[in-house]
């Protein structure tokens, strides 16, 4: 992507966020949009956003550009012990330029870690950016790339801007100042994601389609009706809506 196209795409993403600030919006759907925009702008194969669960103190994946089980599993591994976890703990971006080399350094006798799983999916490098609210890290924005190397200065700045947008998207209320309020908002985001996962299972079963196709059914219905993805998912799970 050329610098001009990148600038335009980032501006479009900012405009999307601005729209959400003046109307009700679905935070998980927004994070999904940001993940997709981030992957496109940075030329990544996949991207994922994880936030801290205040109850378990664990990072939990809430948005991903792919519903493929292997990719989701890789991103979940990342938030448990990979670069995203390191970025969260350090509060600084973490880049792994050559995952094949990192995979070779993993103990062969151990269960496959992040690097070995990434190589199996043809992921060559990764970049994880902490999502910060002043001095507190509330999550991580992770990019999985199909070629080795580290981000350019421009890409690194863009990744940070997107991570900042994600943080604002979650904690958009101007009155959010206290740690308890931040934790509550993060828990609502996680709960919304759980509901969407449950709804995917229901639609997959009732329509006899794969999970990724079930997700598209939910998203398309939300888009056509102008409703939030979480609201549609909740109606499906509570049997108020059959798709």
Protein backbone atom coordinates (compact mmCIF):
# COMPACT_ATOMS: atom_id res chain seq x y z
CA UNK A 1 0.00 0.00 0.00
CA UNK A 2 1.40 3.39 -0.99
CA UNK A 3 1.87 6.08 1.68
CA UNK A 4 -1.02 8.09 0.19
CA UNK A 5 -3.38 5.13 0.19
CA UNK A 6 -2.33 4.34 3.75
CA UNK A 7 -3.04 7.92 4.84
CA UNK A 8 -6.51 7.82 3.24
CA UNK A 9 -7.34 4.44 4.80
CA UNK A 10 -6.25 5.58 8.26
CA UNK A 11 -8.34 8.75 7.90
CA UNK A 12 -11.35 6.62 6.92
CA UNK A 13 -10.83 4.59 10.08
CA UNK A 14 -10.73 7.76 12.17
CA UNK A 15 -13.97 8.92 10.52
CA UNK A 16 -15.58 5.59 11.44
CA UNK A 17 -14.63 6.14 15.07
CA UNK A 18 -15.93 9.73 14.99
CA UNK A 19 -19.32 8.47 13.84
CA UNK A 20 -19.47 6.09 16.79
CA UNK A 21 -18.79 8.88 19.26
CA UNK A 22 -22.08 10.63 18.45
CA UNK A 23 -24.35 7.60 18.29
CA UNK A 24 -24.86 4.21 19.86
CA UNK A 25 -22.50 1.58 18.50
CA UNK A 26 -21.39 -1.99 18.86
CA UNK A 27 -17.91 -2.05 20.36
CA UNK A 28 -17.05 -5.58 19.20
CA UNK A 29 -18.10 -4.76 15.64
CA UNK A 30 -15.96 -1.62 15.82
CA UNK A 31 -12.95 -3.63 16.97
CA UNK A 32 -13.52 -6.13 14.15
CA UNK A 33 -13.51 -3.21 11.70
CA UNK A 34 -10.32 -1.83 13.21
CA UNK A 35 -8.63 -5.24 13.00
CA UNK A 36 -9.56 -5.48 9.33
CA UNK A 37 -8.42 -1.93 8.61
CA UNK A 38 -5.16 -2.52 10.45
CA UNK A 39 -4.38 -5.68 8.52
CA UNK A 40 -5.12 -3.93 5.23
CA UNK A 41 -3.12 -0.80 5.99
CA UNK A 42 -0.07 -2.66 7.30
CA UNK A 43 -0.17 -5.44 4.73
CA UNK A 44 -0.70 -8.10 7.40
CA UNK A 45 -2.25 -11.49 6.73
CA UNK A 46 -4.22 -11.33 9.98
CA UNK A 47 -4.75 -9.03 12.94
CA UNK A 48 -6.30 -9.47 16.36
CA UNK A 49 -7.24 -7.34 19.35
CA UNK A 50 -7.10 -8.69 22.91
CA UNK A 51 -8.13 -6.92 26.11
CA UNK A 52 -7.47 -7.66 29.76
CA UNK A 53 -10.18 -9.46 31.68
CA UNK A 54 -10.32 -7.67 35.03
CA UNK A 55 -11.60 -10.77 36.82
CA UNK A 56 -9.04 -13.32 35.62
CA UNK A 57 -6.27 -10.82 34.81
CA UNK A 58 -5.80 -12.65 31.50
CA UNK A 59 -5.71 -11.28 27.98
CA UNK A 60 -8.75 -12.38 25.99
CA UNK A 61 -9.14 -12.14 22.22
CA UNK A 62 -12.18 -10.01 21.32
CA UNK A 63 -11.62 -9.27 17.61
CA UNK A 64 -9.91 -11.07 14.76
CA UNK A 65 -9.76 -10.68 10.98
CA UNK A 66 -10.33 -14.41 10.60
CA UNK A 67 -12.80 -16.89 12.02
CA UNK A 68 -10.59 -19.78 10.90
CA UNK A 69 -10.02 -21.99 13.93
CA UNK A 70 -6.27 -22.30 13.34
CA UNK A 71 -5.79 -18.52 13.11
CA UNK A 72 -7.95 -17.86 16.17
CA UNK A 73 -6.04 -20.57 18.04
CA UNK A 74 -2.76 -18.91 17.08
CA UNK A 75 -3.95 -15.51 18.29
CA UNK A 76 -5.19 -17.10 21.52
CA UNK A 77 -1.76 -18.69 21.96
CA UNK A 78 -0.24 -15.27 21.38
CA UNK A 79 -2.22 -13.66 24.20
CA UNK A 80 -1.26 -16.50 26.53
CA UNK A 81 2.50 -16.53 26.02
CA UNK A 82 3.54 -14.96 22.73
CA UNK A 83 4.58 -11.47 21.60
CA UNK A 84 1.22 -9.95 22.56
CA UNK A 85 1.69 -11.11 26.13
CA UNK A 86 5.23 -9.67 26.13
CA UNK A 87 3.93 -6.35 24.78
CA UNK A 88 1.24 -6.26 27.44
CA UNK A 89 3.70 -6.97 30.24
CA UNK A 90 6.34 -4.50 29.03
CA UNK A 91 3.99 -1.77 27.81
CA UNK A 92 6.12 -1.46 24.68
CA UNK A 93 5.70 -2.79 21.11
CA UNK A 94 7.21 -6.22 20.45
CA UNK A 95 8.33 -7.32 16.98
CA UNK A 96 9.49 -10.77 15.91
CA UNK A 97 11.09 -10.36 12.50
CA UNK A 98 11.75 -14.02 11.72
CA UNK A 99 9.33 -16.51 13.22
CA UNK A 100 10.98 -19.41 11.39
CA UNK A 101 14.19 -18.74 13.31
CA UNK A 102 12.24 -18.33 16.55
CA UNK A 103 10.45 -21.63 15.88
CA UNK A 104 13.78 -23.38 15.41
CA UNK A 105 14.84 -22.16 18.84
CA UNK A 106 11.77 -23.61 20.57
CA UNK A 107 12.48 -26.90 22.38
CA UNK A 108 11.51 -29.74 20.05
CA UNK A 109 10.23 -31.78 22.98
CA UNK A 110 7.85 -29.06 24.15
CA UNK A 111 4.33 -28.48 22.87
CA UNK A 112 4.31 -26.15 19.84
CA UNK A 113 4.55 -22.55 21.00
CA UNK A 114 3.52 -19.39 19.21
CA UNK A 115 6.39 -19.39 16.68
CA UNK A 116 5.96 -23.00 15.58
CA UNK A 117 2.21 -22.59 15.22
CA UNK A 118 2.70 -19.38 13.26
CA UNK A 119 5.11 -21.01 10.82
CA UNK A 120 2.55 -23.76 10.16
CA UNK A 121 0.16 -21.02 8.99
CA UNK A 122 2.83 -19.35 6.81
CA UNK A 123 3.09 -16.42 9.20
CA UNK A 124 6.64 -15.09 8.94
CA UNK A 125 6.70 -12.16 11.34
CA UNK A 126 4.55 -10.45 13.95
CA UNK A 127 4.16 -7.05 15.56
CA UNK A 128 2.28 -6.49 18.82
CA UNK A 129 1.33 -3.00 20.02
CA UNK A 130 0.07 -2.31 23.56
CA UNK A 131 -3.21 -0.42 23.91
CA UNK A 132 -2.64 2.17 26.61
CA UNK A 133 -4.88 4.34 28.73
CA UNK A 134 -2.32 6.74 30.14
CA UNK A 135 -0.07 4.51 32.29
CA UNK A 136 -2.36 1.48 32.15
CA UNK A 137 -2.16 -1.15 29.40
CA UNK A 138 -5.70 -2.39 28.67
CA UNK A 139 -5.00 -4.64 25.70
CA UNK A 140 -2.83 -5.46 22.69
CA UNK A 141 -3.25 -5.05 18.93
CA UNK A 142 -1.36 -7.85 17.12
CA UNK A 143 -0.44 -8.04 13.44
CA UNK A 144 0.60 -11.30 11.72
CA UNK A 145 2.56 -10.80 8.52
CA UNK A 146 3.25 -13.16 5.65
CA UNK A 147 6.80 -11.97 5.12
CA UNK A 148 9.76 -11.57 7.48
CA UNK A 149 10.98 -8.21 8.73
CA UNK A 150 10.12 -5.44 11.14
CA UNK A 151 7.69 -2.57 10.50
CA UNK A 152 8.97 0.65 8.99
CA UNK A 153 8.81 3.80 11.12
CA UNK A 154 5.66 4.81 9.23
CA UNK A 155 4.03 1.42 9.79
CA UNK A 156 4.96 1.49 13.47
CA UNK A 157 3.35 4.91 13.90
CA UNK A 158 0.26 3.76 12.02
CA UNK A 159 0.00 0.64 14.20
CA UNK A 160 0.22 2.79 17.33
CA UNK A 161 -2.49 5.11 16.00
CA UNK A 162 -4.77 2.15 15.32
CA UNK A 163 -4.10 0.76 18.79
CA UNK A 164 -5.00 4.16 20.24
CA UNK A 165 -8.23 4.17 18.23
CA UNK A 166 -9.09 0.73 19.59
CA UNK A 167 -8.49 1.96 23.13
CA UNK A 168 -10.70 5.01 22.60
CA UNK A 169 -13.34 2.80 21.01
CA UNK A 170 -13.54 0.66 24.14
CA UNK A 171 -13.26 3.48 26.64
CA UNK A 172 -15.12 6.14 24.70
CA UNK A 173 -17.16 7.66 27.52
CA UNK A 174 -15.51 10.87 28.62
CA UNK A 175 -16.50 10.21 32.19
CA UNK A 176 -14.37 7.06 32.40
CA UNK A 177 -11.60 7.98 34.81
CA UNK A 178 -11.48 5.38 37.52
CA UNK A 179 -9.96 1.91 37.29
CA UNK A 180 -13.22 0.22 38.31
CA UNK A 181 -15.07 1.92 35.44
CA UNK A 182 -12.38 0.81 32.99
CA UNK A 183 -12.64 -2.79 34.22
CA UNK A 184 -16.43 -2.71 33.91
CA UNK A 185 -16.25 -1.51 30.30
CA UNK A 186 -13.71 -4.18 29.39
CA UNK A 187 -15.90 -6.86 30.98
CA UNK A 188 -18.89 -5.69 28.91
CA UNK A 189 -16.75 -5.98 25.78
CA UNK A 190 -15.70 -9.53 26.71
CA UNK A 191 -19.30 -10.49 27.52
CA UNK A 192 -20.44 -9.21 24.13
CA UNK A 193 -17.81 -11.34 22.41
CA UNK A 194 -18.95 -14.43 24.35
CA UNK A 195 -22.54 -13.83 23.23
CA UNK A 196 -21.42 -13.55 19.60
CA UNK A 197 -19.50 -16.82 19.90
CA UNK A 198 -22.59 -18.53 21.34
CA UNK A 199 -24.76 -17.14 18.55
CA UNK A 200 -22.31 -18.43 15.94
CA UNK A 201 -22.72 -21.89 17.41
CA UNK A 202 -26.52 -21.65 17.32
CA UNK A 203 -26.60 -20.48 13.70
CA UNK A 204 -24.01 -23.07 12.69
CA UNK A 205 -26.20 -25.81 14.17
CA UNK A 206 -29.59 -24.60 12.90
CA UNK A 207 -28.39 -23.81 9.36
CA UNK A 208 -25.86 -26.66 9.21
CA UNK A 209 -23.05 -24.35 8.09
CA UNK A 210 -19.44 -23.87 9.26
CA UNK A 211 -18.68 -21.43 12.06
CA UNK A 212 -17.16 -18.82 9.73
CA UNK A 213 -20.29 -18.93 7.53
CA UNK A 214 -22.47 -18.58 10.64
CA UNK A 215 -20.56 -15.44 11.59
CA UNK A 216 -21.24 -13.95 8.15
CA UNK A 217 -24.96 -14.69 8.55
CA UNK A 218 -24.97 -12.75 11.82
CA UNK A 219 -22.98 -9.84 10.40
CA UNK A 220 -25.11 -9.59 7.25
CA UNK A 221 -28.32 -9.56 9.29
CA UNK A 222 -26.89 -6.83 11.53
CA UNK A 223 -25.89 -4.76 8.48
CA UNK A 224 -29.24 -5.21 6.73
CA UNK A 225 -31.29 -4.31 9.80
CA UNK A 226 -29.00 -1.55 11.04
CA UNK A 227 -28.63 -3.25 14.41
CA UNK A 228 -25.55 -3.92 16.49
CA UNK A 229 -23.89 -7.29 16.02
CA UNK A 230 -24.04 -7.95 19.77
CA UNK A 231 -27.77 -7.19 19.87
CA UNK A 232 -28.46 -9.60 17.00
CA UNK A 233 -26.33 -12.26 18.67
CA UNK A 234 -28.15 -11.82 21.99
CA UNK A 235 -31.54 -12.25 20.28
CA UNK A 236 -30.32 -15.42 18.58
CA UNK A 237 -28.96 -16.91 21.80
CA UNK A 238 -32.16 -16.04 23.71
CA UNK A 239 -34.30 -17.49 20.89
CA UNK A 240 -35.97 -14.20 20.01
CA UNK A 241 -34.54 -14.37 16.50
CA UNK A 242 -34.06 -17.28 14.10
CA UNK A 243 -31.71 -16.81 11.14
